[in-house]
Amino acid sequence: DSVMTFTSEMVSEEEYDYKVSRDIIYGAQEFENFELYVEWKIPPGGNSGIFYHIAEGYDGIPEVAPEYQLIDDDHYTDFHDITEYNKSIGITENPQDLHPLQATGADYAMYVADPTKKNLNPAGEWNHVLLTIDHNKNEGSVKLNGTKIVEFPLSGEEWDSLVANSKFNDDCGFKRFGKMKSGKIGLQDHGDKVSFRNIKIRKL
């Protein structure tokens, strides 16, 4: 039915290894400024994401490519214990809970989606996203189910400061994170049976 579904069985947060995951990368061309429309459905407890500006030659995609987060906001922690992981990245207040920077709609670990504008259908139902990346305006934005929920700069002092204070800083080995102005698009395999359909991209 024109649906692309990962066949992955659910793995725990502790078992997930991004270096051996089977992410799907559209390799035909790279994109700089674009609008990307994707319909997605995630299972209960599921986790995935959309990477942009992927570059080759690194150990893993997250070393360079920012991610639009897709996750089961309501029930992820019913299936996964993320306490130790969150502590390891400096989240000490309620580390057992999903942090807003980890929730659906976030520019993962960088910018939080506005919870007052977030109209997220639950796990097992289809959602759609429109991700816009425009370096001409130094602006990225995300619409979830038709409503804009986050805007963020793509470079500059604000972005650099956030990177320096995030898990993607130089000290953690992420010397090129968010530095690419063009790259490939990828769909993340995080060990869940997540589905995608009606994937469309338009260059700006």
N, C-alpha and C. Protein backbone atom coordinates (compact mmCIF):
# COMPACT_ATOMS: atom_id res chain seq x y z
N ASP A 1 0.82 -1.22 0.00
CA ASP A 1 0.00 0.00 0.00
C ASP A 1 0.85 1.27 0.00
N SER A 2 2.00 1.21 -0.64
CA SER A 2 2.90 2.36 -0.74
C SER A 2 3.36 2.86 0.63
N VAL A 3 3.53 1.95 1.57
CA VAL A 3 4.04 2.26 2.90
C VAL A 3 5.38 1.58 3.09
N MET A 4 6.37 2.32 3.56
CA MET A 4 7.70 1.78 3.84
C MET A 4 7.82 1.58 5.36
N THR A 5 8.05 0.34 5.79
CA THR A 5 8.07 0.03 7.21
C THR A 5 9.37 -0.68 7.58
N PHE A 6 10.02 -0.18 8.61
CA PHE A 6 11.17 -0.88 9.16
C PHE A 6 10.69 -2.21 9.75
N THR A 7 11.46 -3.27 9.53
CA THR A 7 11.11 -4.58 10.08
C THR A 7 11.76 -4.82 11.44
N SER A 8 12.43 -3.81 11.98
CA SER A 8 13.16 -3.96 13.22
C SER A 8 12.24 -4.36 14.38
N GLU A 9 12.72 -5.29 15.20
CA GLU A 9 12.06 -5.57 16.46
C GLU A 9 12.53 -4.54 17.48
N MET A 10 11.67 -4.24 18.46
CA MET A 10 12.02 -3.24 19.45
C MET A 10 13.27 -3.65 20.24
N VAL A 11 14.19 -2.72 20.39
CA VAL A 11 15.36 -2.93 21.24
C VAL A 11 15.32 -1.91 22.37
N SER A 12 15.96 -2.24 23.46
CA SER A 12 16.00 -1.31 24.59
C SER A 12 16.93 -0.16 24.27
N GLU A 13 16.80 0.93 25.02
CA GLU A 13 17.69 2.08 24.83
C GLU A 13 19.14 1.67 25.03
N GLU A 14 19.38 0.75 25.95
CA GLU A 14 20.74 0.30 26.24
C GLU A 14 21.33 -0.50 25.08
N GLU A 15 20.47 -1.19 24.33
CA GLU A 15 20.95 -2.05 23.24
C GLU A 15 21.15 -1.28 21.94
N TYR A 16 20.53 -0.11 21.83
CA TYR A 16 20.60 0.63 20.57
C TYR A 16 22.01 1.12 20.30
N ASP A 17 22.49 0.94 19.09
CA ASP A 17 23.83 1.37 18.69
C ASP A 17 23.71 2.04 17.32
N TYR A 18 23.84 3.37 17.29
CA TYR A 18 23.64 4.08 16.03
C TYR A 18 24.68 3.72 14.99
N LYS A 19 25.83 3.16 15.42
CA LYS A 19 26.88 2.82 14.45
C LYS A 19 26.54 1.59 13.62
N VAL A 20 25.60 0.77 14.09
CA VAL A 20 25.24 -0.42 13.33
C VAL A 20 23.76 -0.42 12.94
N SER A 21 23.07 0.70 13.11
CA SER A 21 21.66 0.76 12.75
C SER A 21 21.51 0.78 11.23
N ARG A 22 20.32 0.46 10.76
CA ARG A 22 20.05 0.35 9.32
C ARG A 22 19.24 1.55 8.84
N ASP A 23 19.76 2.71 9.08
CA ASP A 23 19.08 3.93 8.63
C ASP A 23 18.92 3.91 7.11
N ILE A 24 17.82 4.47 6.64
CA ILE A 24 17.57 4.57 5.20
C ILE A 24 17.97 5.97 4.74
N ILE A 25 18.92 6.04 3.82
CA ILE A 25 19.42 7.32 3.32
C ILE A 25 19.07 7.46 1.84
N TYR A 26 18.49 8.59 1.49
CA TYR A 26 18.23 8.87 0.08
C TYR A 26 19.53 9.39 -0.52
N GLY A 27 20.16 8.54 -1.32
CA GLY A 27 21.51 8.83 -1.78
C GLY A 27 21.62 9.44 -3.16
N ALA A 28 20.49 9.67 -3.84
CA ALA A 28 20.54 10.14 -5.23
C ALA A 28 21.07 11.56 -5.34
N GLN A 29 20.82 12.38 -4.33
CA GLN A 29 21.29 13.77 -4.37
C GLN A 29 21.29 14.37 -2.97
N GLU A 30 21.98 15.49 -2.86
CA GLU A 30 22.02 16.22 -1.60
C GLU A 30 21.08 17.43 -1.69
N PHE A 31 20.68 17.91 -0.53
CA PHE A 31 19.76 19.05 -0.48
C PHE A 31 20.31 20.10 0.47
N GLU A 32 20.19 21.36 0.07
CA GLU A 32 20.61 22.49 0.90
C GLU A 32 19.40 23.16 1.51
N ASN A 33 18.61 23.83 0.69
CA ASN A 33 17.38 24.49 1.15
C ASN A 33 16.19 23.71 0.59
N PHE A 34 15.27 23.31 1.47
CA PHE A 34 14.22 22.41 1.02
C PHE A 34 13.02 22.42 1.97
N GLU A 35 11.91 21.89 1.46
CA GLU A 35 10.76 21.50 2.27
C GLU A 35 10.59 20.01 2.13
N LEU A 36 10.50 19.31 3.25
CA LEU A 36 10.34 17.86 3.26
C LEU A 36 9.03 17.51 3.95
N TYR A 37 8.16 16.80 3.22
CA TYR A 37 6.89 16.36 3.77
C TYR A 37 6.94 14.85 3.95
N VAL A 38 6.59 14.38 5.14
CA VAL A 38 6.60 12.94 5.44
C VAL A 38 5.40 12.61 6.32
N GLU A 39 4.70 11.54 5.97
CA GLU A 39 3.70 10.97 6.87
C GLU A 39 4.35 9.79 7.59
N TRP A 40 4.12 9.70 8.90
CA TRP A 40 4.81 8.68 9.69
C TRP A 40 3.88 8.09 10.76
N LYS A 41 4.17 6.85 11.09
CA LYS A 41 3.41 6.16 12.13
C LYS A 41 4.38 5.34 12.98
N ILE A 42 4.25 5.47 14.27
CA ILE A 42 5.21 4.84 15.17
C ILE A 42 4.47 3.89 16.10
N PRO A 43 5.07 2.76 16.48
CA PRO A 43 4.38 1.83 17.37
C PRO A 43 4.47 2.29 18.81
N PRO A 44 3.66 1.74 19.70
CA PRO A 44 3.78 2.07 21.13
C PRO A 44 5.21 1.85 21.62
N GLY A 45 5.73 2.87 22.28
CA GLY A 45 7.10 2.80 22.78
C GLY A 45 8.15 3.03 21.73
N GLY A 46 7.74 3.46 20.53
CA GLY A 46 8.66 3.58 19.40
C GLY A 46 9.47 4.87 19.40
N ASN A 47 10.56 4.85 18.62
CA ASN A 47 11.48 5.97 18.52
C ASN A 47 12.07 5.97 17.11
N SER A 48 12.13 7.13 16.49
CA SER A 48 12.75 7.26 15.18
C SER A 48 13.08 8.73 14.96
N GLY A 49 13.43 9.08 13.74
CA GLY A 49 13.74 10.47 13.45
C GLY A 49 14.04 10.68 11.99
N ILE A 50 14.11 11.94 11.61
CA ILE A 50 14.46 12.33 10.25
C ILE A 50 15.75 13.15 10.33
N PHE A 51 16.81 12.64 9.70
CA PHE A 51 18.09 13.35 9.66
C PHE A 51 18.17 14.21 8.40
N TYR A 52 18.81 15.36 8.52
CA TYR A 52 19.06 16.18 7.34
C TYR A 52 20.50 16.66 7.34
N HIS A 53 21.02 16.94 6.14
CA HIS A 53 22.41 17.35 5.94
C HIS A 53 23.38 16.27 6.41
N ILE A 54 23.09 15.04 5.99
CA ILE A 54 23.98 13.91 6.28
C ILE A 54 25.21 14.01 5.38
N ALA A 55 26.39 13.78 5.97
CA ALA A 55 27.64 13.72 5.22
C ALA A 55 28.29 12.36 5.47
N GLU A 56 28.95 11.85 4.46
CA GLU A 56 29.64 10.57 4.61
C GLU A 56 31.04 10.78 5.19
N GLY A 57 31.64 9.67 5.63
CA GLY A 57 33.00 9.72 6.14
C GLY A 57 33.10 9.82 7.65
N TYR A 58 31.98 9.58 8.35
CA TYR A 58 31.97 9.65 9.81
C TYR A 58 31.46 8.32 10.37
N ASP A 59 31.71 8.09 11.65
CA ASP A 59 31.32 6.82 12.27
C ASP A 59 29.81 6.64 12.33
N GLY A 60 29.09 7.73 12.46
CA GLY A 60 27.64 7.64 12.56
C GLY A 60 26.99 8.93 12.14
N ILE A 61 25.76 8.84 11.63
CA ILE A 61 25.03 10.01 11.16
C ILE A 61 24.92 11.11 12.22
N PRO A 62 24.63 10.79 13.50
CA PRO A 62 24.46 11.86 14.50
C PRO A 62 25.72 12.68 14.76
N GLU A 63 26.86 12.25 14.25
CA GLU A 63 28.07 13.05 14.43
C GLU A 63 28.01 14.36 13.65
N VAL A 64 27.21 14.38 12.58
CA VAL A 64 27.16 15.57 11.73
C VAL A 64 25.75 16.10 11.48
N ALA A 65 24.76 15.19 11.46
CA ALA A 65 23.43 15.57 10.96
C ALA A 65 22.45 15.84 12.10
N PRO A 66 21.82 17.02 12.13
CA PRO A 66 20.73 17.26 13.07
C PRO A 66 19.55 16.33 12.77
N GLU A 67 18.67 16.19 13.76
CA GLU A 67 17.56 15.24 13.65
C GLU A 67 16.25 15.87 14.09
N TYR A 68 15.22 15.67 13.27
CA TYR A 68 13.85 15.97 13.69
C TYR A 68 13.33 14.73 14.40
N GLN A 69 12.91 14.88 15.66
CA GLN A 69 12.58 13.74 16.49
C GLN A 69 11.17 13.21 16.28
N LEU A 70 11.04 11.88 16.19
CA LEU A 70 9.77 11.17 16.15
C LEU A 70 9.80 10.14 17.27
N ILE A 71 8.82 10.17 18.16
CA ILE A 71 8.85 9.25 19.30
C ILE A 71 7.44 9.16 19.89
N ASP A 72 7.20 8.08 20.63
CA ASP A 72 5.93 7.94 21.35
C ASP A 72 6.04 8.75 22.64
N ASP A 73 5.62 10.01 22.57
CA ASP A 73 5.75 10.92 23.72
C ASP A 73 5.09 10.34 24.98
N ASP A 74 3.92 9.76 24.81
CA ASP A 74 3.11 9.38 25.97
C ASP A 74 3.60 8.11 26.66
N HIS A 75 4.17 7.18 25.89
CA HIS A 75 4.43 5.87 26.49
C HIS A 75 5.85 5.34 26.25
N TYR A 76 6.75 6.18 25.74
CA TYR A 76 8.10 5.67 25.48
C TYR A 76 8.75 5.10 26.74
N THR A 77 8.61 5.82 27.84
CA THR A 77 9.27 5.37 29.07
C THR A 77 8.53 4.21 29.75
N ASP A 78 7.35 3.84 29.25
CA ASP A 78 6.72 2.62 29.73
C ASP A 78 7.45 1.39 29.22
N PHE A 79 8.16 1.55 28.11
CA PHE A 79 8.87 0.45 27.48
C PHE A 79 10.39 0.53 27.68
N HIS A 80 10.89 1.74 27.97
CA HIS A 80 12.34 1.94 28.03
C HIS A 80 12.72 2.70 29.31
N ASP A 81 13.74 2.21 29.99
CA ASP A 81 14.29 2.91 31.15
C ASP A 81 15.42 3.81 30.65
N ILE A 82 15.18 5.12 30.65
CA ILE A 82 16.18 6.06 30.11
C ILE A 82 16.88 6.83 31.23
N THR A 83 16.73 6.38 32.46
CA THR A 83 17.29 7.11 33.60
C THR A 83 18.79 7.28 33.49
N GLU A 84 19.52 6.20 33.30
CA GLU A 84 20.98 6.28 33.25
C GLU A 84 21.46 7.04 32.03
N TYR A 85 20.77 6.85 30.90
CA TYR A 85 21.15 7.60 29.70
C TYR A 85 21.00 9.09 29.94
N ASN A 86 19.86 9.50 30.49
CA ASN A 86 19.64 10.92 30.72
C ASN A 86 20.67 11.49 31.71
N LYS A 87 21.01 10.75 32.73
CA LYS A 87 22.03 11.21 33.67
C LYS A 87 23.36 11.39 32.97
N SER A 88 23.65 10.50 32.03
CA SER A 88 24.95 10.56 31.34
C SER A 88 25.08 11.79 30.46
N ILE A 89 23.93 12.39 30.04
CA ILE A 89 23.99 13.60 29.20
C ILE A 89 23.60 14.84 29.99
N GLY A 90 23.57 14.71 31.34
CA GLY A 90 23.39 15.88 32.19
C GLY A 90 21.98 16.21 32.59
N ILE A 91 21.02 15.33 32.29
CA ILE A 91 19.64 15.55 32.72
C ILE A 91 19.47 14.92 34.09
N THR A 92 19.43 15.74 35.12
CA THR A 92 19.38 15.23 36.50
C THR A 92 18.01 15.41 37.15
N GLU A 93 17.19 16.29 36.60
CA GLU A 93 15.85 16.49 37.15
C GLU A 93 14.87 15.54 36.45
N ASN A 94 14.28 14.63 37.22
CA ASN A 94 13.38 13.60 36.68
C ASN A 94 13.99 12.87 35.48
N PRO A 95 15.17 12.28 35.66
CA PRO A 95 15.85 11.63 34.52
C PRO A 95 15.11 10.42 33.98
N GLN A 96 14.13 9.92 34.73
CA GLN A 96 13.34 8.77 34.25
C GLN A 96 12.33 9.16 33.20
N ASP A 97 12.10 10.47 33.03
CA ASP A 97 11.08 10.96 32.10
C ASP A 97 11.70 11.41 30.78
N LEU A 98 10.87 11.41 29.75
CA LEU A 98 11.29 11.94 28.47
C LEU A 98 11.42 13.45 28.58
N HIS A 99 12.58 13.98 28.24
CA HIS A 99 12.82 15.42 28.32
C HIS A 99 12.20 16.09 27.09
N PRO A 100 11.72 17.35 27.21
CA PRO A 100 11.14 18.03 26.04
C PRO A 100 12.06 18.07 24.83
N LEU A 101 13.38 18.10 25.05
CA LEU A 101 14.32 18.10 23.93
C LEU A 101 14.39 16.74 23.24
N GLN A 102 13.78 15.73 23.86
CA GLN A 102 13.76 14.39 23.29
C GLN A 102 12.39 14.03 22.71
N ALA A 103 11.43 14.92 22.84
CA ALA A 103 10.05 14.62 22.46
C ALA A 103 9.81 14.91 20.98
N THR A 104 8.72 14.37 20.46
CA THR A 104 8.36 14.58 19.05
C THR A 104 8.29 16.07 18.72
N GLY A 105 8.85 16.40 17.57
CA GLY A 105 8.83 17.78 17.10
C GLY A 105 10.08 18.55 17.41
N ALA A 106 10.87 18.08 18.37
CA ALA A 106 12.09 18.79 18.73
C ALA A 106 13.13 18.66 17.63
N ASP A 107 13.93 19.72 17.45
CA ASP A 107 15.20 19.56 16.76
C ASP A 107 16.07 18.90 17.82
N TYR A 108 16.26 17.59 17.72
CA TYR A 108 16.68 16.74 18.83
C TYR A 108 17.87 17.30 19.60
N ALA A 109 17.66 17.44 20.92
CA ALA A 109 18.67 17.91 21.88
C ALA A 109 19.04 19.37 21.69
N MET A 110 18.34 20.07 20.78
CA MET A 110 18.69 21.46 20.49
C MET A 110 17.52 22.42 20.75
N TYR A 111 16.37 22.19 20.12
CA TYR A 111 15.23 23.09 20.25
C TYR A 111 13.96 22.32 20.57
N VAL A 112 13.23 22.81 21.56
CA VAL A 112 12.00 22.17 22.02
C VAL A 112 10.82 22.62 21.17
N ALA A 113 9.93 21.67 20.85
CA ALA A 113 8.69 22.02 20.19
C ALA A 113 7.72 22.64 21.20
N ASP A 114 6.97 23.64 20.77
CA ASP A 114 6.02 24.32 21.64
C ASP A 114 4.90 23.37 22.04
N PRO A 115 4.82 22.97 23.33
CA PRO A 115 3.80 21.98 23.73
C PRO A 115 2.37 22.51 23.61
N THR A 116 2.20 23.83 23.63
CA THR A 116 0.85 24.39 23.53
C THR A 116 0.30 24.33 22.11
N LYS A 117 1.18 24.10 21.13
CA LYS A 117 0.76 24.05 19.73
C LYS A 117 0.84 22.63 19.15
N LYS A 118 1.22 21.71 19.98
CA LYS A 118 1.52 20.36 19.51
C LYS A 118 0.25 19.51 19.47
N ASN A 119 -0.14 19.13 18.28
CA ASN A 119 -1.32 18.29 18.07
C ASN A 119 -0.83 16.94 17.54
N LEU A 120 -0.41 16.07 18.46
CA LEU A 120 0.23 14.81 18.10
C LEU A 120 -0.76 13.66 18.23
N ASN A 121 -0.96 12.94 17.13
CA ASN A 121 -1.78 11.74 17.20
C ASN A 121 -1.02 10.64 17.92
N PRO A 122 -1.70 9.77 18.66
CA PRO A 122 -1.01 8.78 19.48
C PRO A 122 -0.34 7.69 18.65
N ALA A 123 0.53 6.91 19.30
CA ALA A 123 1.20 5.79 18.66
C ALA A 123 0.18 4.88 17.99
N GLY A 124 0.54 4.43 16.77
CA GLY A 124 -0.36 3.58 16.01
C GLY A 124 -1.21 4.33 15.00
N GLU A 125 -1.21 5.69 15.08
CA GLU A 125 -1.94 6.51 14.13
C GLU A 125 -0.97 7.34 13.30
N TRP A 126 -1.40 7.73 12.11
CA TRP A 126 -0.56 8.51 11.21
C TRP A 126 -0.47 9.97 11.66
N ASN A 127 0.73 10.53 11.55
CA ASN A 127 0.99 11.96 11.70
C ASN A 127 1.69 12.43 10.43
N HIS A 128 1.73 13.74 10.22
CA HIS A 128 2.52 14.24 9.10
C HIS A 128 3.34 15.46 9.54
N VAL A 129 4.49 15.58 8.93
CA VAL A 129 5.43 16.65 9.27
C VAL A 129 5.85 17.38 8.01
N LEU A 130 6.06 18.68 8.14
CA LEU A 130 6.68 19.48 7.10
C LEU A 130 7.91 20.14 7.71
N LEU A 131 9.08 19.68 7.29
CA LEU A 131 10.35 20.22 7.77
C LEU A 131 10.90 21.17 6.72
N THR A 132 11.15 22.42 7.11
CA THR A 132 11.69 23.42 6.20
C THR A 132 13.08 23.84 6.66
N ILE A 133 14.05 23.77 5.75
CA ILE A 133 15.42 24.20 6.02
C ILE A 133 15.77 25.24 4.97
N ASP A 134 16.06 26.46 5.41
CA ASP A 134 16.32 27.56 4.47
C ASP A 134 17.51 28.37 4.96
N HIS A 135 18.68 28.10 4.40
CA HIS A 135 19.88 28.83 4.80
C HIS A 135 19.86 30.28 4.33
N ASN A 136 19.09 30.57 3.30
CA ASN A 136 18.99 31.96 2.84
C ASN A 136 18.40 32.85 3.94
N LYS A 137 17.52 32.29 4.74
CA LYS A 137 16.90 33.02 5.85
C LYS A 137 17.51 32.61 7.20
N ASN A 138 18.46 31.67 7.17
CA ASN A 138 19.02 31.09 8.40
C ASN A 138 17.90 30.62 9.32
N GLU A 139 16.99 29.84 8.74
CA GLU A 139 15.80 29.44 9.49
C GLU A 139 15.41 28.01 9.18
N GLY A 140 15.19 27.27 10.23
CA GLY A 140 14.56 25.96 10.12
C GLY A 140 13.23 26.01 10.85
N SER A 141 12.27 25.21 10.40
CA SER A 141 10.99 25.17 11.09
C SER A 141 10.34 23.81 10.88
N VAL A 142 9.41 23.50 11.78
CA VAL A 142 8.71 22.22 11.72
C VAL A 142 7.22 22.47 11.90
N LYS A 143 6.43 21.89 11.00
CA LYS A 143 4.98 21.85 11.18
C LYS A 143 4.58 20.40 11.46
N LEU A 144 3.85 20.19 12.53
CA LEU A 144 3.32 18.88 12.87
C LEU A 144 1.81 18.89 12.65
N ASN A 145 1.35 18.03 11.76
CA ASN A 145 -0.08 17.95 11.45
C ASN A 145 -0.66 19.33 11.12
N GLY A 146 0.13 20.12 10.37
CA GLY A 146 -0.34 21.40 9.86
C GLY A 146 -0.08 22.61 10.72
N THR A 147 0.45 22.43 11.93
CA THR A 147 0.69 23.56 12.84
C THR A 147 2.18 23.70 13.12
N LYS A 148 2.69 24.92 12.94
CA LYS A 148 4.11 25.17 13.22
C LYS A 148 4.36 25.07 14.71
N ILE A 149 5.32 24.22 15.10
CA ILE A 149 5.58 23.99 16.51
C ILE A 149 6.98 24.39 16.96
N VAL A 150 7.88 24.66 16.01
CA VAL A 150 9.22 25.09 16.40
C VAL A 150 9.89 25.80 15.22
N GLU A 151 10.67 26.83 15.55
CA GLU A 151 11.55 27.51 14.60
C GLU A 151 12.93 27.59 15.23
N PHE A 152 13.96 27.55 14.41
CA PHE A 152 15.31 27.58 14.95
C PHE A 152 16.29 28.10 13.90
N PRO A 153 17.38 28.76 14.34
CA PRO A 153 18.42 29.18 13.40
C PRO A 153 19.24 27.98 12.98
N LEU A 154 19.88 28.07 11.83
CA LEU A 154 20.71 26.98 11.32
C LEU A 154 22.19 27.22 11.58
N SER A 155 22.53 28.43 11.97
CA SER A 155 23.93 28.77 12.27
C SER A 155 23.93 30.07 13.06
N GLY A 156 25.12 30.48 13.49
CA GLY A 156 25.23 31.73 14.23
C GLY A 156 25.50 31.51 15.71
N GLU A 157 25.54 32.59 16.46
CA GLU A 157 25.93 32.54 17.87
C GLU A 157 24.98 31.69 18.71
N GLU A 158 23.68 31.85 18.48
CA GLU A 158 22.70 31.10 19.27
C GLU A 158 22.86 29.60 19.05
N TRP A 159 22.96 29.20 17.78
CA TRP A 159 23.13 27.78 17.46
C TRP A 159 24.44 27.25 18.04
N ASP A 160 25.53 27.99 17.86
CA ASP A 160 26.84 27.55 18.35
C ASP A 160 26.83 27.39 19.87
N SER A 161 26.15 28.29 20.55
CA SER A 161 26.08 28.21 22.01
C SER A 161 25.31 26.97 22.45
N LEU A 162 24.21 26.68 21.77
CA LEU A 162 23.44 25.49 22.11
C LEU A 162 24.24 24.21 21.86
N VAL A 163 24.95 24.16 20.73
CA VAL A 163 25.78 23.00 20.45
C VAL A 163 26.84 22.82 21.53
N ALA A 164 27.47 23.92 21.92
CA ALA A 164 28.55 23.85 22.92
C ALA A 164 28.06 23.34 24.27
N ASN A 165 26.77 23.55 24.55
CA ASN A 165 26.21 23.12 25.83
C ASN A 165 25.33 21.88 25.70
N SER A 166 25.48 21.16 24.59
CA SER A 166 24.67 19.98 24.35
C SER A 166 25.55 18.74 24.30
N LYS A 167 24.93 17.59 24.06
CA LYS A 167 25.66 16.33 23.91
C LYS A 167 26.46 16.29 22.62
N PHE A 168 26.28 17.29 21.75
CA PHE A 168 26.95 17.32 20.46
C PHE A 168 28.18 18.23 20.44
N ASN A 169 28.72 18.56 21.60
CA ASN A 169 29.85 19.50 21.63
C ASN A 169 31.16 18.83 21.24
N ASP A 170 32.18 19.65 21.04
CA ASP A 170 33.49 19.16 20.59
C ASP A 170 34.08 18.16 21.56
N ASP A 171 33.90 18.39 22.86
CA ASP A 171 34.50 17.51 23.87
C ASP A 171 33.96 16.10 23.78
N CYS A 172 32.74 15.95 23.23
CA CYS A 172 32.14 14.62 23.08
C CYS A 172 32.44 14.02 21.71
N GLY A 173 33.27 14.70 20.92
CA GLY A 173 33.68 14.17 19.63
C GLY A 173 32.83 14.58 18.45
N PHE A 174 31.95 15.56 18.64
CA PHE A 174 31.05 15.98 17.56
C PHE A 174 31.54 17.29 16.95
N LYS A 175 32.72 17.25 16.34
CA LYS A 175 33.34 18.48 15.87
C LYS A 175 32.66 19.07 14.63
N ARG A 176 31.87 18.27 13.91
CA ARG A 176 31.24 18.76 12.69
C ARG A 176 29.73 18.80 12.78
N PHE A 177 29.17 18.59 13.99
CA PHE A 177 27.71 18.54 14.12
C PHE A 177 27.07 19.86 13.70
N GLY A 178 26.10 19.77 12.80
CA GLY A 178 25.36 20.95 12.37
C GLY A 178 26.15 21.93 11.53
N LYS A 179 27.32 21.53 11.08
CA LYS A 179 28.15 22.45 10.30
C LYS A 179 27.87 22.37 8.80
N MET A 180 27.26 21.28 8.35
CA MET A 180 27.02 21.10 6.92
C MET A 180 25.84 21.95 6.46
N LYS A 181 26.00 22.60 5.31
CA LYS A 181 24.91 23.41 4.76
C LYS A 181 24.13 22.67 3.68
N SER A 182 24.59 21.48 3.34
CA SER A 182 23.84 20.61 2.44
C SER A 182 24.18 19.17 2.79
N GLY A 183 23.37 18.26 2.30
CA GLY A 183 23.63 16.86 2.60
C GLY A 183 22.45 15.99 2.22
N LYS A 184 22.55 14.74 2.58
CA LYS A 184 21.51 13.77 2.26
C LYS A 184 20.44 13.75 3.35
N ILE A 185 19.30 13.15 3.02
CA ILE A 185 18.17 12.98 3.93
C ILE A 185 18.14 11.53 4.40
N GLY A 186 17.85 11.31 5.67
CA GLY A 186 17.81 9.94 6.18
C GLY A 186 16.67 9.72 7.15
N LEU A 187 16.17 8.48 7.18
CA LEU A 187 15.15 8.05 8.13
C LEU A 187 15.80 7.09 9.11
N GLN A 188 15.61 7.33 10.39
CA GLN A 188 16.35 6.62 11.42
C GLN A 188 15.74 5.26 11.78
N ASP A 189 16.62 4.26 11.82
CA ASP A 189 16.28 2.96 12.39
C ASP A 189 16.75 2.97 13.84
N HIS A 190 15.81 3.07 14.78
CA HIS A 190 16.15 3.08 16.20
C HIS A 190 15.66 1.79 16.87
N GLY A 191 15.47 0.75 16.03
CA GLY A 191 15.03 -0.51 16.58
C GLY A 191 13.54 -0.57 16.84
N ASP A 192 12.74 -0.03 15.93
CA ASP A 192 11.29 -0.05 16.08
C ASP A 192 10.63 -0.22 14.72
N LYS A 193 9.42 -0.74 14.72
CA LYS A 193 8.67 -0.97 13.48
C LYS A 193 7.91 0.28 13.09
N VAL A 194 8.65 1.30 12.66
CA VAL A 194 8.06 2.58 12.30
C VAL A 194 7.78 2.60 10.79
N SER A 195 6.71 3.30 10.39
CA SER A 195 6.30 3.33 8.99
C SER A 195 6.32 4.76 8.45
N PHE A 196 6.59 4.85 7.13
CA PHE A 196 6.61 6.13 6.43
C PHE A 196 5.85 5.99 5.11
N ARG A 197 5.23 7.08 4.66
CA ARG A 197 4.57 7.09 3.36
C ARG A 197 4.49 8.53 2.85
N ASN A 198 4.14 8.67 1.56
CA ASN A 198 3.95 9.98 0.94
C ASN A 198 5.12 10.94 1.23
N ILE A 199 6.32 10.47 0.96
CA ILE A 199 7.52 11.27 1.21
C ILE A 199 7.76 12.18 0.00
N LYS A 200 7.78 13.48 0.24
CA LYS A 200 7.95 14.45 -0.85
C LYS A 200 8.96 15.51 -0.42
N ILE A 201 9.77 15.94 -1.35
CA ILE A 201 10.74 16.99 -1.04
C ILE A 201 10.76 18.00 -2.18
N ARG A 202 10.88 19.27 -1.80
CA ARG A 202 10.91 20.35 -2.80
C ARG A 202 12.08 21.27 -2.47
N LYS A 203 12.95 21.46 -3.45
CA LYS A 203 14.06 22.39 -3.27
C LYS A 203 13.56 23.84 -3.24
N LEU A 204 14.14 24.64 -2.38
CA LEU A 204 13.81 26.07 -2.30
C LEU A 204 14.85 26.87 -3.05
